[in-house]
Amino acid sequence: MKLLSLNVGLPRETVWHGMTITTGIFKQPVAGRIPLRTLNLDGDRQADLTVHGGPYKAVYLYPIAHYDYWKQELRGRDLPPASFGENFTADSPLEDAIHIGDRFAVGSAELVVTQPRLPCYKLAAKFQADDMVKRFLASGRTGYYLMVTHEGRVSAEDEIIPLARDPNAAPVSDITRLYIAKRFSAEDAASARRTLQLESLPQSWKGYFEERLQRAGM
């Protein structure tokens, strides 16, 4: 596993459906070794802290392998690193092989996987495409967020070194699948109950799955 591009950006204005919005989704690759702190990389900020940012979303990683898919889906678009608003464009395993609670070292920092990305309308605004959010989520190519457990400095070309896996491991792809499932099967319900034991999964996700289980009488 390797960090191929390190990307940061400050909130900026863009126009979407005639309205001016502020978003931090526009990021650019940076050179050099950058401090990675509890809430974000130096030079990186989020616009709406009610849904973005915070310790559980300090870093957003997107696998470079997904770019081949999107180059076919979005023909004619230029898709350089950071196209999806990620901080780390990485040569890394995909969502079915990365688990909530997986711990990694990058440079002198240490991180833990916390959740998949759920895109908001600002992804649509960046691509100027109303259907982009739906297509992104349906593709399963969500990438994932990481929390910083030890601050340090990182740079492009750093190795991403596995340190440990949560013994209750659940793939990132399972969390996304359960989220978009219209109804829970018995197997889904069992999987949702297991997510409640994941130490690194944010409480907001656990609350969502608890509510789904209660509504389904499961």
N, C-alpha and C. Protein backbone atom coordinates (compact mmCIF):
# COMPACT_ATOMS: atom_id res chain seq x y z
N MET A 1 0.85 -1.18 0.00
CA MET A 1 0.00 0.00 0.00
C MET A 1 0.89 1.23 0.00
N LYS A 2 0.47 2.23 -0.78
CA LYS A 2 1.29 3.43 -0.87
C LYS A 2 0.40 4.66 -1.07
N LEU A 3 0.80 5.75 -0.43
CA LEU A 3 0.16 7.04 -0.64
C LEU A 3 0.75 7.65 -1.91
N LEU A 4 -0.09 7.83 -2.92
CA LEU A 4 0.39 8.30 -4.21
C LEU A 4 0.28 9.81 -4.37
N SER A 5 -0.75 10.39 -3.77
CA SER A 5 -0.94 11.84 -3.86
C SER A 5 -1.53 12.34 -2.55
N LEU A 6 -0.94 13.38 -2.00
CA LEU A 6 -1.40 14.01 -0.76
C LEU A 6 -2.09 15.31 -1.14
N ASN A 7 -3.38 15.45 -0.77
CA ASN A 7 -4.21 16.53 -1.32
C ASN A 7 -4.86 17.35 -0.21
N VAL A 8 -4.82 18.66 -0.35
CA VAL A 8 -5.45 19.55 0.63
C VAL A 8 -6.17 20.67 -0.10
N GLY A 9 -7.04 21.36 0.64
CA GLY A 9 -7.74 22.51 0.06
C GLY A 9 -8.52 23.25 1.13
N LEU A 10 -8.66 24.54 0.95
CA LEU A 10 -9.45 25.37 1.85
C LEU A 10 -10.83 25.59 1.24
N PRO A 11 -11.83 25.86 2.06
CA PRO A 11 -13.17 26.11 1.52
C PRO A 11 -13.17 27.24 0.49
N ARG A 12 -13.96 27.04 -0.55
CA ARG A 12 -14.09 28.06 -1.60
C ARG A 12 -15.52 28.06 -2.08
N GLU A 13 -15.88 29.11 -2.78
CA GLU A 13 -17.24 29.23 -3.30
C GLU A 13 -17.33 28.65 -4.71
N THR A 14 -18.48 28.04 -4.98
CA THR A 14 -18.80 27.59 -6.32
C THR A 14 -20.30 27.77 -6.53
N VAL A 15 -20.74 27.74 -7.76
CA VAL A 15 -22.16 27.97 -8.07
C VAL A 15 -22.80 26.65 -8.44
N TRP A 16 -23.94 26.36 -7.82
CA TRP A 16 -24.68 25.12 -8.10
C TRP A 16 -26.15 25.47 -8.20
N HIS A 17 -26.74 25.21 -9.36
CA HIS A 17 -28.14 25.53 -9.64
C HIS A 17 -28.46 26.99 -9.29
N GLY A 18 -27.55 27.86 -9.68
CA GLY A 18 -27.78 29.29 -9.50
C GLY A 18 -27.50 29.81 -8.11
N MET A 19 -27.11 28.93 -7.18
CA MET A 19 -26.82 29.35 -5.81
C MET A 19 -25.32 29.25 -5.54
N THR A 20 -24.80 30.20 -4.80
CA THR A 20 -23.40 30.15 -4.39
C THR A 20 -23.28 29.35 -3.10
N ILE A 21 -22.46 28.31 -3.14
CA ILE A 21 -22.25 27.48 -1.96
C ILE A 21 -20.76 27.48 -1.62
N THR A 22 -20.45 27.15 -0.39
CA THR A 22 -19.06 27.07 0.06
C THR A 22 -18.73 25.62 0.35
N THR A 23 -17.61 25.15 -0.17
CA THR A 23 -17.26 23.74 -0.02
C THR A 23 -15.75 23.57 0.05
N GLY A 24 -15.32 22.54 0.76
CA GLY A 24 -13.91 22.20 0.83
C GLY A 24 -13.54 21.03 -0.07
N ILE A 25 -14.43 20.66 -0.99
CA ILE A 25 -14.21 19.47 -1.81
C ILE A 25 -13.13 19.68 -2.87
N PHE A 26 -12.83 20.92 -3.20
CA PHE A 26 -11.81 21.19 -4.21
C PHE A 26 -10.42 21.13 -3.56
N LYS A 27 -9.70 20.06 -3.84
CA LYS A 27 -8.38 19.87 -3.25
C LYS A 27 -7.34 19.72 -4.34
N GLN A 28 -6.09 19.98 -3.98
CA GLN A 28 -4.98 19.90 -4.93
C GLN A 28 -3.83 19.13 -4.30
N PRO A 29 -3.09 18.38 -5.11
CA PRO A 29 -1.90 17.70 -4.59
C PRO A 29 -0.87 18.71 -4.08
N VAL A 30 -0.18 18.32 -3.01
CA VAL A 30 0.88 19.16 -2.45
C VAL A 30 2.14 18.32 -2.30
N ALA A 31 3.28 18.99 -2.41
CA ALA A 31 4.57 18.33 -2.26
C ALA A 31 5.08 18.51 -0.84
N GLY A 32 6.05 17.71 -0.49
CA GLY A 32 6.69 17.87 0.80
C GLY A 32 6.02 17.05 1.89
N ARG A 33 6.59 17.14 3.07
CA ARG A 33 6.08 16.40 4.23
C ARG A 33 5.21 17.34 5.04
N ILE A 34 3.93 16.97 5.22
CA ILE A 34 2.91 17.85 5.78
C ILE A 34 2.47 17.32 7.15
N PRO A 35 2.32 18.22 8.15
CA PRO A 35 1.79 17.76 9.44
C PRO A 35 0.36 17.25 9.32
N LEU A 36 0.11 16.11 9.92
CA LEU A 36 -1.23 15.53 10.01
C LEU A 36 -1.64 15.58 11.48
N ARG A 37 -2.68 16.37 11.76
CA ARG A 37 -3.11 16.57 13.14
C ARG A 37 -4.44 15.85 13.38
N THR A 38 -4.96 15.98 14.58
CA THR A 38 -6.15 15.23 14.97
C THR A 38 -7.34 15.52 14.07
N LEU A 39 -7.47 16.74 13.59
CA LEU A 39 -8.66 17.11 12.82
C LEU A 39 -8.42 17.18 11.32
N ASN A 40 -7.19 17.37 10.88
CA ASN A 40 -6.96 17.44 9.44
C ASN A 40 -5.47 17.65 9.15
N LEU A 41 -5.16 17.64 7.88
CA LEU A 41 -3.83 17.99 7.40
C LEU A 41 -3.65 19.51 7.42
N ASP A 42 -2.43 19.96 7.62
CA ASP A 42 -2.16 21.38 7.48
C ASP A 42 -2.54 21.83 6.07
N GLY A 43 -3.27 22.93 5.98
CA GLY A 43 -3.70 23.44 4.68
C GLY A 43 -5.00 22.88 4.19
N ASP A 44 -5.65 22.06 5.02
CA ASP A 44 -6.93 21.46 4.63
C ASP A 44 -8.01 21.83 5.64
N ARG A 45 -9.17 22.19 5.14
CA ARG A 45 -10.29 22.55 6.01
C ARG A 45 -11.59 22.09 5.38
N GLN A 46 -12.64 21.97 6.20
CA GLN A 46 -13.97 21.65 5.73
C GLN A 46 -14.87 22.87 5.90
N ALA A 47 -15.88 22.97 5.05
CA ALA A 47 -16.75 24.15 5.08
C ALA A 47 -17.88 24.00 6.10
N ASP A 48 -18.60 22.90 6.07
CA ASP A 48 -19.76 22.68 6.94
C ASP A 48 -19.40 21.63 7.99
N LEU A 49 -19.02 22.09 9.18
CA LEU A 49 -18.54 21.18 10.21
C LEU A 49 -19.66 20.39 10.87
N THR A 50 -20.92 20.66 10.51
CA THR A 50 -22.01 19.86 11.07
C THR A 50 -22.06 18.47 10.41
N VAL A 51 -21.55 18.34 9.21
CA VAL A 51 -21.58 17.05 8.52
C VAL A 51 -20.21 16.61 8.00
N HIS A 52 -19.25 17.52 7.98
CA HIS A 52 -17.92 17.19 7.49
C HIS A 52 -16.90 17.44 8.59
N GLY A 53 -15.75 16.81 8.45
CA GLY A 53 -14.69 17.04 9.39
C GLY A 53 -14.93 16.36 10.73
N GLY A 54 -14.15 16.79 11.74
CA GLY A 54 -14.20 16.14 13.04
C GLY A 54 -13.20 15.00 13.11
N PRO A 55 -12.94 14.49 14.29
CA PRO A 55 -11.89 13.46 14.44
C PRO A 55 -12.16 12.18 13.67
N TYR A 56 -13.42 11.79 13.48
CA TYR A 56 -13.73 10.56 12.76
C TYR A 56 -13.61 10.71 11.25
N LYS A 57 -13.45 11.95 10.78
CA LYS A 57 -13.31 12.21 9.35
C LYS A 57 -12.10 13.09 9.09
N ALA A 58 -11.03 12.83 9.81
CA ALA A 58 -9.84 13.68 9.68
C ALA A 58 -9.19 13.54 8.31
N VAL A 59 -9.23 12.33 7.76
CA VAL A 59 -8.59 12.04 6.48
C VAL A 59 -9.55 11.21 5.63
N TYR A 60 -9.66 11.58 4.36
CA TYR A 60 -10.47 10.80 3.42
C TYR A 60 -9.53 10.16 2.40
N LEU A 61 -9.60 8.83 2.31
CA LEU A 61 -8.76 8.07 1.38
C LEU A 61 -9.61 7.52 0.24
N TYR A 62 -9.08 7.65 -0.98
CA TYR A 62 -9.77 7.10 -2.14
C TYR A 62 -8.78 6.25 -2.93
N PRO A 63 -9.12 4.97 -3.18
CA PRO A 63 -8.20 4.08 -3.90
C PRO A 63 -8.01 4.51 -5.36
N ILE A 64 -6.78 4.50 -5.80
CA ILE A 64 -6.47 4.89 -7.17
C ILE A 64 -7.13 3.96 -8.18
N ALA A 65 -7.37 2.70 -7.80
CA ALA A 65 -7.98 1.74 -8.73
C ALA A 65 -9.35 2.20 -9.19
N HIS A 66 -10.06 2.98 -8.38
CA HIS A 66 -11.40 3.43 -8.77
C HIS A 66 -11.37 4.43 -9.92
N TYR A 67 -10.24 5.06 -10.13
CA TYR A 67 -10.16 6.06 -11.20
C TYR A 67 -10.39 5.43 -12.58
N ASP A 68 -9.94 4.20 -12.77
CA ASP A 68 -10.17 3.54 -14.06
C ASP A 68 -11.67 3.39 -14.33
N TYR A 69 -12.41 3.02 -13.29
CA TYR A 69 -13.87 2.89 -13.43
C TYR A 69 -14.49 4.23 -13.81
N TRP A 70 -14.13 5.27 -13.10
CA TRP A 70 -14.76 6.57 -13.35
C TRP A 70 -14.34 7.18 -14.69
N LYS A 71 -13.15 6.84 -15.16
CA LYS A 71 -12.75 7.33 -16.48
C LYS A 71 -13.61 6.73 -17.58
N GLN A 72 -14.13 5.52 -17.35
CA GLN A 72 -15.07 4.91 -18.28
C GLN A 72 -16.46 5.50 -18.12
N GLU A 73 -16.87 5.72 -16.87
CA GLU A 73 -18.20 6.24 -16.58
C GLU A 73 -18.35 7.72 -16.94
N LEU A 74 -17.28 8.46 -16.79
CA LEU A 74 -17.31 9.92 -16.99
C LEU A 74 -16.40 10.29 -18.15
N ARG A 75 -16.66 9.68 -19.27
CA ARG A 75 -15.80 9.89 -20.45
C ARG A 75 -15.70 11.37 -20.81
N GLY A 76 -14.47 11.76 -21.13
CA GLY A 76 -14.23 13.14 -21.54
C GLY A 76 -13.87 14.05 -20.40
N ARG A 77 -13.99 13.59 -19.16
CA ARG A 77 -13.64 14.43 -18.02
C ARG A 77 -12.18 14.20 -17.63
N ASP A 78 -11.54 15.27 -17.25
CA ASP A 78 -10.20 15.18 -16.70
C ASP A 78 -10.33 14.76 -15.23
N LEU A 79 -9.65 13.69 -14.85
CA LEU A 79 -9.76 13.18 -13.48
C LEU A 79 -8.38 13.04 -12.86
N PRO A 80 -7.78 14.17 -12.46
CA PRO A 80 -6.49 14.10 -11.78
C PRO A 80 -6.68 13.63 -10.33
N PRO A 81 -5.61 13.32 -9.61
CA PRO A 81 -5.74 12.99 -8.19
C PRO A 81 -6.49 14.09 -7.45
N ALA A 82 -7.27 13.69 -6.45
CA ALA A 82 -8.11 14.59 -5.64
C ALA A 82 -9.42 14.94 -6.32
N SER A 83 -9.74 14.29 -7.45
CA SER A 83 -10.99 14.60 -8.15
C SER A 83 -12.22 14.37 -7.30
N PHE A 84 -12.14 13.45 -6.35
CA PHE A 84 -13.31 13.12 -5.53
C PHE A 84 -13.22 13.75 -4.13
N GLY A 85 -12.33 14.71 -4.00
CA GLY A 85 -12.22 15.43 -2.74
C GLY A 85 -11.41 14.71 -1.68
N GLU A 86 -10.63 13.70 -2.11
CA GLU A 86 -9.89 12.92 -1.12
C GLU A 86 -8.58 13.60 -0.72
N ASN A 87 -8.17 13.31 0.52
CA ASN A 87 -6.86 13.76 1.02
C ASN A 87 -5.75 12.82 0.58
N PHE A 88 -6.05 11.51 0.62
CA PHE A 88 -5.09 10.50 0.21
C PHE A 88 -5.61 9.82 -1.06
N THR A 89 -4.91 9.97 -2.17
CA THR A 89 -5.14 9.10 -3.32
C THR A 89 -4.11 8.00 -3.17
N ALA A 90 -4.58 6.75 -3.03
CA ALA A 90 -3.66 5.71 -2.58
C ALA A 90 -3.79 4.43 -3.40
N ASP A 91 -2.66 3.76 -3.53
CA ASP A 91 -2.65 2.40 -4.05
C ASP A 91 -2.96 1.51 -2.85
N SER A 92 -4.23 1.21 -2.66
CA SER A 92 -4.68 0.52 -1.45
C SER A 92 -5.75 -0.50 -1.80
N PRO A 93 -5.99 -1.46 -0.90
CA PRO A 93 -7.09 -2.41 -1.12
C PRO A 93 -8.43 -1.68 -1.20
N LEU A 94 -9.40 -2.35 -1.80
CA LEU A 94 -10.72 -1.74 -1.98
C LEU A 94 -11.59 -1.96 -0.74
N GLU A 95 -12.81 -1.44 -0.80
CA GLU A 95 -13.66 -1.38 0.38
C GLU A 95 -14.05 -2.74 0.94
N ASP A 96 -14.02 -3.77 0.12
CA ASP A 96 -14.36 -5.10 0.64
C ASP A 96 -13.19 -5.76 1.35
N ALA A 97 -11.99 -5.16 1.25
CA ALA A 97 -10.80 -5.73 1.89
C ALA A 97 -10.25 -4.83 3.00
N ILE A 98 -10.86 -3.67 3.18
CA ILE A 98 -10.49 -2.76 4.27
C ILE A 98 -11.61 -2.79 5.29
N HIS A 99 -11.27 -2.88 6.56
CA HIS A 99 -12.26 -3.07 7.62
C HIS A 99 -12.31 -1.88 8.57
N ILE A 100 -13.51 -1.63 9.09
CA ILE A 100 -13.64 -0.65 10.16
C ILE A 100 -12.75 -1.11 11.32
N GLY A 101 -11.92 -0.21 11.81
CA GLY A 101 -11.00 -0.56 12.89
C GLY A 101 -9.61 -0.95 12.43
N ASP A 102 -9.40 -1.13 11.12
CA ASP A 102 -8.05 -1.40 10.63
C ASP A 102 -7.15 -0.20 10.97
N ARG A 103 -5.95 -0.51 11.45
CA ARG A 103 -5.01 0.54 11.85
C ARG A 103 -3.79 0.53 10.93
N PHE A 104 -3.33 1.74 10.59
CA PHE A 104 -2.22 1.89 9.66
C PHE A 104 -1.25 2.95 10.16
N ALA A 105 0.00 2.80 9.74
CA ALA A 105 1.00 3.86 9.90
C ALA A 105 1.26 4.46 8.53
N VAL A 106 1.32 5.80 8.49
CA VAL A 106 1.66 6.52 7.26
C VAL A 106 2.65 7.61 7.67
N GLY A 107 3.85 7.56 7.11
CA GLY A 107 4.87 8.48 7.60
C GLY A 107 5.08 8.25 9.09
N SER A 108 5.05 9.32 9.87
CA SER A 108 5.19 9.18 11.33
C SER A 108 3.84 9.24 12.03
N ALA A 109 2.74 9.20 11.27
CA ALA A 109 1.39 9.25 11.85
C ALA A 109 0.79 7.85 11.89
N GLU A 110 -0.22 7.70 12.74
CA GLU A 110 -0.98 6.45 12.79
C GLU A 110 -2.46 6.79 12.69
N LEU A 111 -3.21 5.92 11.97
CA LEU A 111 -4.61 6.19 11.69
C LEU A 111 -5.43 4.91 11.81
N VAL A 112 -6.75 5.09 11.98
CA VAL A 112 -7.67 3.95 12.04
C VAL A 112 -8.87 4.23 11.15
N VAL A 113 -9.32 3.21 10.42
CA VAL A 113 -10.47 3.34 9.52
C VAL A 113 -11.75 3.44 10.35
N THR A 114 -12.62 4.41 10.02
CA THR A 114 -13.82 4.64 10.82
C THR A 114 -15.13 4.44 10.07
N GLN A 115 -15.20 4.73 8.77
CA GLN A 115 -16.49 4.71 8.09
C GLN A 115 -16.32 4.93 6.58
N PRO A 116 -17.31 4.49 5.80
CA PRO A 116 -17.30 4.84 4.37
C PRO A 116 -17.73 6.29 4.19
N ARG A 117 -17.51 6.79 3.00
CA ARG A 117 -17.99 8.14 2.69
C ARG A 117 -19.43 8.07 2.20
N LEU A 118 -20.25 8.93 2.72
CA LEU A 118 -21.60 9.15 2.20
C LEU A 118 -21.59 10.51 1.52
N PRO A 119 -21.62 10.56 0.21
CA PRO A 119 -21.48 11.84 -0.48
C PRO A 119 -22.70 12.73 -0.29
N CYS A 120 -22.46 14.03 -0.25
CA CYS A 120 -23.56 14.99 -0.19
C CYS A 120 -23.65 15.72 -1.54
N TYR A 121 -24.54 16.67 -1.62
CA TYR A 121 -24.79 17.36 -2.89
C TYR A 121 -23.57 18.10 -3.41
N LYS A 122 -22.57 18.33 -2.54
CA LYS A 122 -21.40 19.08 -3.00
C LYS A 122 -20.55 18.27 -3.98
N LEU A 123 -20.67 16.95 -3.93
CA LEU A 123 -20.02 16.14 -4.97
C LEU A 123 -20.70 16.40 -6.31
N ALA A 124 -22.01 16.48 -6.30
CA ALA A 124 -22.74 16.83 -7.53
C ALA A 124 -22.35 18.21 -8.03
N ALA A 125 -22.18 19.14 -7.09
CA ALA A 125 -21.79 20.50 -7.47
C ALA A 125 -20.41 20.51 -8.11
N LYS A 126 -19.49 19.73 -7.57
CA LYS A 126 -18.14 19.71 -8.12
C LYS A 126 -18.14 19.19 -9.56
N PHE A 127 -18.95 18.14 -9.80
CA PHE A 127 -19.00 17.56 -11.13
C PHE A 127 -20.08 18.20 -12.00
N GLN A 128 -20.86 19.12 -11.40
CA GLN A 128 -21.96 19.77 -12.13
C GLN A 128 -22.86 18.72 -12.79
N ALA A 129 -23.23 17.71 -11.97
CA ALA A 129 -24.05 16.60 -12.47
C ALA A 129 -25.01 16.18 -11.37
N ASP A 130 -26.32 16.32 -11.62
CA ASP A 130 -27.32 16.03 -10.61
C ASP A 130 -27.29 14.58 -10.14
N ASP A 131 -26.91 13.66 -11.01
CA ASP A 131 -26.97 12.25 -10.66
C ASP A 131 -25.68 11.72 -10.04
N MET A 132 -24.70 12.59 -9.80
CA MET A 132 -23.40 12.11 -9.38
C MET A 132 -23.44 11.46 -8.00
N VAL A 133 -24.20 12.00 -7.08
CA VAL A 133 -24.27 11.44 -5.73
C VAL A 133 -24.84 10.02 -5.78
N LYS A 134 -25.93 9.86 -6.51
CA LYS A 134 -26.57 8.54 -6.64
C LYS A 134 -25.62 7.55 -7.30
N ARG A 135 -24.96 7.96 -8.36
CA ARG A 135 -24.04 7.07 -9.07
C ARG A 135 -22.85 6.68 -8.20
N PHE A 136 -22.35 7.63 -7.45
CA PHE A 136 -21.20 7.39 -6.59
C PHE A 136 -21.53 6.36 -5.52
N LEU A 137 -22.66 6.55 -4.85
CA LEU A 137 -23.04 5.63 -3.78
C LEU A 137 -23.39 4.26 -4.34
N ALA A 138 -24.11 4.22 -5.45
CA ALA A 138 -24.50 2.94 -6.05
C ALA A 138 -23.31 2.15 -6.55
N SER A 139 -22.23 2.83 -6.91
CA SER A 139 -21.05 2.15 -7.43
C SER A 139 -20.33 1.34 -6.35
N GLY A 140 -20.56 1.68 -5.09
CA GLY A 140 -19.83 1.04 -4.00
C GLY A 140 -18.41 1.53 -3.86
N ARG A 141 -18.01 2.43 -4.73
CA ARG A 141 -16.63 2.94 -4.71
C ARG A 141 -16.61 4.21 -3.87
N THR A 142 -16.77 4.03 -2.57
CA THR A 142 -16.96 5.17 -1.66
C THR A 142 -15.67 5.71 -1.09
N GLY A 143 -14.61 4.90 -1.07
CA GLY A 143 -13.46 5.28 -0.27
C GLY A 143 -13.83 5.20 1.21
N TYR A 144 -12.95 5.70 2.06
CA TYR A 144 -13.24 5.61 3.49
C TYR A 144 -12.49 6.68 4.27
N TYR A 145 -13.04 6.98 5.45
CA TYR A 145 -12.45 7.97 6.34
C TYR A 145 -11.57 7.30 7.38
N LEU A 146 -10.59 8.07 7.85
CA LEU A 146 -9.71 7.61 8.91
C LEU A 146 -9.60 8.65 10.02
N MET A 147 -9.43 8.15 11.22
CA MET A 147 -9.18 8.99 12.39
C MET A 147 -7.69 8.93 12.72
N VAL A 148 -7.14 10.05 13.14
CA VAL A 148 -5.73 10.12 13.50
C VAL A 148 -5.58 9.69 14.96
N THR A 149 -4.86 8.62 15.19
CA THR A 149 -4.62 8.15 16.57
C THR A 149 -3.26 8.60 17.08
N HIS A 150 -2.38 8.98 16.18
CA HIS A 150 -1.07 9.53 16.55
C HIS A 150 -0.68 10.55 15.50
N GLU A 151 -0.55 11.81 15.89
CA GLU A 151 -0.19 12.85 14.95
C GLU A 151 1.23 12.65 14.42
N GLY A 152 1.45 13.11 13.20
CA GLY A 152 2.78 12.97 12.61
C GLY A 152 2.86 13.78 11.32
N ARG A 153 3.81 13.42 10.49
CA ARG A 153 3.99 14.10 9.22
C ARG A 153 3.94 13.06 8.11
N VAL A 154 3.30 13.43 7.00
CA VAL A 154 3.11 12.50 5.88
C VAL A 154 3.46 13.19 4.57
N SER A 155 3.76 12.37 3.57
CA SER A 155 4.03 12.91 2.24
C SER A 155 3.66 11.88 1.20
N ALA A 156 3.47 12.35 -0.02
CA ALA A 156 3.24 11.44 -1.13
C ALA A 156 4.42 10.48 -1.26
N GLU A 157 4.12 9.25 -1.62
CA GLU A 157 5.08 8.16 -1.75
C GLU A 157 5.37 7.46 -0.43
N ASP A 158 4.76 7.91 0.69
CA ASP A 158 4.88 7.15 1.93
C ASP A 158 4.20 5.79 1.79
N GLU A 159 4.78 4.79 2.38
CA GLU A 159 4.12 3.49 2.48
C GLU A 159 2.99 3.58 3.50
N ILE A 160 1.90 2.85 3.25
CA ILE A 160 0.80 2.72 4.20
C ILE A 160 0.94 1.33 4.81
N ILE A 161 1.35 1.30 6.06
CA ILE A 161 1.76 0.05 6.69
C ILE A 161 0.68 -0.45 7.63
N PRO A 162 0.10 -1.64 7.41
CA PRO A 162 -0.90 -2.19 8.32
C PRO A 162 -0.29 -2.45 9.70
N LEU A 163 -1.05 -2.09 10.74
CA LEU A 163 -0.61 -2.30 12.11
C LEU A 163 -1.46 -3.32 12.85
N ALA A 164 -2.78 -3.27 12.68
CA ALA A 164 -3.67 -4.15 13.42
C ALA A 164 -5.05 -4.14 12.78
N ARG A 165 -5.85 -5.17 13.13
CA ARG A 165 -7.24 -5.26 12.66
C ARG A 165 -8.15 -5.50 13.85
N ASP A 166 -9.32 -4.85 13.84
CA ASP A 166 -10.32 -5.06 14.88
C ASP A 166 -10.78 -6.52 14.84
N PRO A 167 -10.78 -7.22 15.99
CA PRO A 167 -11.22 -8.62 15.99
C PRO A 167 -12.67 -8.81 15.57
N ASN A 168 -13.49 -7.73 15.66
CA ASN A 168 -14.88 -7.78 15.20
C ASN A 168 -15.01 -7.23 13.78
N ALA A 169 -13.95 -7.36 13.00
CA ALA A 169 -13.82 -6.67 11.72
C ALA A 169 -15.05 -6.79 10.83
N ALA A 170 -15.43 -5.64 10.26
CA ALA A 170 -16.49 -5.58 9.26
C ALA A 170 -15.97 -4.77 8.08
N PRO A 171 -16.05 -5.29 6.87
CA PRO A 171 -15.56 -4.53 5.71
C PRO A 171 -16.31 -3.21 5.54
N VAL A 172 -15.61 -2.22 5.05
CA VAL A 172 -16.23 -0.93 4.75
C VAL A 172 -17.42 -1.12 3.82
N SER A 173 -17.28 -2.04 2.85
CA SER A 173 -18.36 -2.27 1.88
C SER A 173 -19.62 -2.77 2.56
N ASP A 174 -19.50 -3.54 3.65
CA ASP A 174 -20.69 -4.03 4.36
C ASP A 174 -21.46 -2.88 4.99
N ILE A 175 -20.74 -1.90 5.51
CA ILE A 175 -21.41 -0.75 6.14
C ILE A 175 -22.21 0.01 5.09
N THR A 176 -21.62 0.21 3.93
CA THR A 176 -22.33 0.90 2.84
C THR A 176 -23.53 0.10 2.38
N ARG A 177 -23.35 -1.20 2.21
CA ARG A 177 -24.45 -2.07 1.74
C ARG A 177 -25.63 -2.02 2.72
N LEU A 178 -25.34 -2.10 4.01
CA LEU A 178 -26.41 -2.04 5.01
C LEU A 178 -27.09 -0.69 5.00
N TYR A 179 -26.33 0.36 4.76
CA TYR A 179 -26.90 1.71 4.76
C TYR A 179 -27.92 1.88 3.63
N ILE A 180 -27.60 1.36 2.45
CA ILE A 180 -28.48 1.61 1.30
C ILE A 180 -29.55 0.53 1.15
N ALA A 181 -29.49 -0.55 1.95
CA ALA A 181 -30.49 -1.62 1.85
C ALA A 181 -31.87 -1.08 2.18
N LYS A 182 -32.84 -1.32 1.32
CA LYS A 182 -34.19 -0.83 1.58
C LYS A 182 -34.86 -1.61 2.70
N ARG A 183 -34.56 -2.90 2.77
CA ARG A 183 -35.10 -3.74 3.85
C ARG A 183 -33.98 -4.64 4.35
N PHE A 184 -34.05 -4.97 5.63
CA PHE A 184 -33.07 -5.88 6.22
C PHE A 184 -33.58 -7.32 6.16
N SER A 185 -32.75 -8.20 5.62
CA SER A 185 -33.00 -9.63 5.77
C SER A 185 -32.52 -10.03 7.16
N ALA A 186 -32.77 -11.28 7.53
CA ALA A 186 -32.29 -11.76 8.82
C ALA A 186 -30.76 -11.67 8.88
N GLU A 187 -30.12 -11.97 7.75
CA GLU A 187 -28.66 -11.89 7.70
C GLU A 187 -28.19 -10.44 7.83
N ASP A 188 -28.92 -9.52 7.16
CA ASP A 188 -28.58 -8.10 7.29
C ASP A 188 -28.72 -7.64 8.74
N ALA A 189 -29.79 -8.06 9.39
CA ALA A 189 -30.02 -7.66 10.77
C ALA A 189 -28.88 -8.15 11.67
N ALA A 190 -28.43 -9.37 11.44
CA ALA A 190 -27.32 -9.90 12.22
C ALA A 190 -26.05 -9.09 11.98
N SER A 191 -25.82 -8.71 10.71
CA SER A 191 -24.66 -7.89 10.39
C SER A 191 -24.76 -6.52 11.04
N ALA A 192 -25.97 -5.93 11.00
CA ALA A 192 -26.17 -4.62 11.62
C ALA A 192 -25.92 -4.67 13.11
N ARG A 193 -26.37 -5.75 13.75
CA ARG A 193 -26.12 -5.87 15.20
C ARG A 193 -24.62 -5.99 15.49
N ARG A 194 -23.89 -6.64 14.60
CA ARG A 194 -22.44 -6.76 14.81
C ARG A 194 -21.75 -5.42 14.70
N THR A 195 -22.29 -4.52 13.86
CA THR A 195 -21.65 -3.20 13.74
C THR A 195 -21.70 -2.43 15.05
N LEU A 196 -22.67 -2.74 15.90
CA LEU A 196 -22.79 -2.02 17.16
C LEU A 196 -21.63 -2.33 18.10
N GLN A 197 -20.86 -3.38 17.79
CA GLN A 197 -19.71 -3.76 18.62
C GLN A 197 -18.40 -3.18 18.09
N LEU A 198 -18.46 -2.44 16.99
CA LEU A 198 -17.24 -1.91 16.38
C LEU A 198 -16.80 -0.65 17.12
N GLU A 199 -15.70 -0.74 17.78
CA GLU A 199 -15.21 0.38 18.59
C GLU A 199 -14.96 1.64 17.76
N SER A 200 -14.46 1.46 16.55
CA SER A 200 -14.06 2.62 15.74
C SER A 200 -15.19 3.21 14.91
N LEU A 201 -16.34 2.55 14.84
CA LEU A 201 -17.47 3.09 14.09
C LEU A 201 -18.12 4.20 14.90
N PRO A 202 -18.32 5.39 14.34
CA PRO A 202 -18.91 6.50 15.09
C PRO A 202 -20.30 6.18 15.61
N GLN A 203 -20.66 6.83 16.70
CA GLN A 203 -21.95 6.59 17.34
C GLN A 203 -23.11 6.96 16.42
N SER A 204 -22.91 7.92 15.54
CA SER A 204 -23.98 8.30 14.61
C SER A 204 -24.38 7.12 13.73
N TRP A 205 -23.41 6.33 13.28
CA TRP A 205 -23.71 5.15 12.49
C TRP A 205 -24.41 4.09 13.33
N LYS A 206 -23.92 3.88 14.53
CA LYS A 206 -24.53 2.88 15.40
C LYS A 206 -25.99 3.24 15.70
N GLY A 207 -26.23 4.55 15.94
CA GLY A 207 -27.59 5.00 16.19
C GLY A 207 -28.49 4.76 14.99
N TYR A 208 -27.95 4.98 13.79
CA TYR A 208 -28.71 4.74 12.57
C TYR A 208 -29.11 3.27 12.47
N PHE A 209 -28.16 2.36 12.70
CA PHE A 209 -28.46 0.93 12.58
C PHE A 209 -29.39 0.46 13.70
N GLU A 210 -29.25 1.00 14.89
CA GLU A 210 -30.16 0.66 15.98
C GLU A 210 -31.59 1.05 15.62
N GLU A 211 -31.75 2.23 15.03
CA GLU A 211 -33.08 2.70 14.63
C GLU A 211 -33.66 1.81 13.54
N ARG A 212 -32.83 1.42 12.55
CA ARG A 212 -33.30 0.55 11.48
C ARG A 212 -33.76 -0.80 12.07
N LEU A 213 -33.01 -1.34 12.99
CA LEU A 213 -33.37 -2.62 13.61
C LEU A 213 -34.67 -2.52 14.40
N GLN A 214 -34.83 -1.43 15.12
CA GLN A 214 -36.05 -1.23 15.89
C GLN A 214 -37.26 -1.09 14.99
N ARG A 215 -37.13 -0.32 13.91
CA ARG A 215 -38.24 -0.13 12.98
C ARG A 215 -38.64 -1.45 12.32
N ALA A 216 -37.65 -2.30 12.09
CA ALA A 216 -37.91 -3.59 11.44
C ALA A 216 -38.35 -4.66 12.44
N GLY A 217 -38.38 -4.31 13.72
CA GLY A 217 -38.75 -5.28 14.74
C GLY A 217 -37.74 -6.40 14.86
N MET A 218 -36.48 -6.07 14.63
CA MET A 218 -35.43 -7.07 14.66
C MET A 218 -34.48 -6.85 15.83
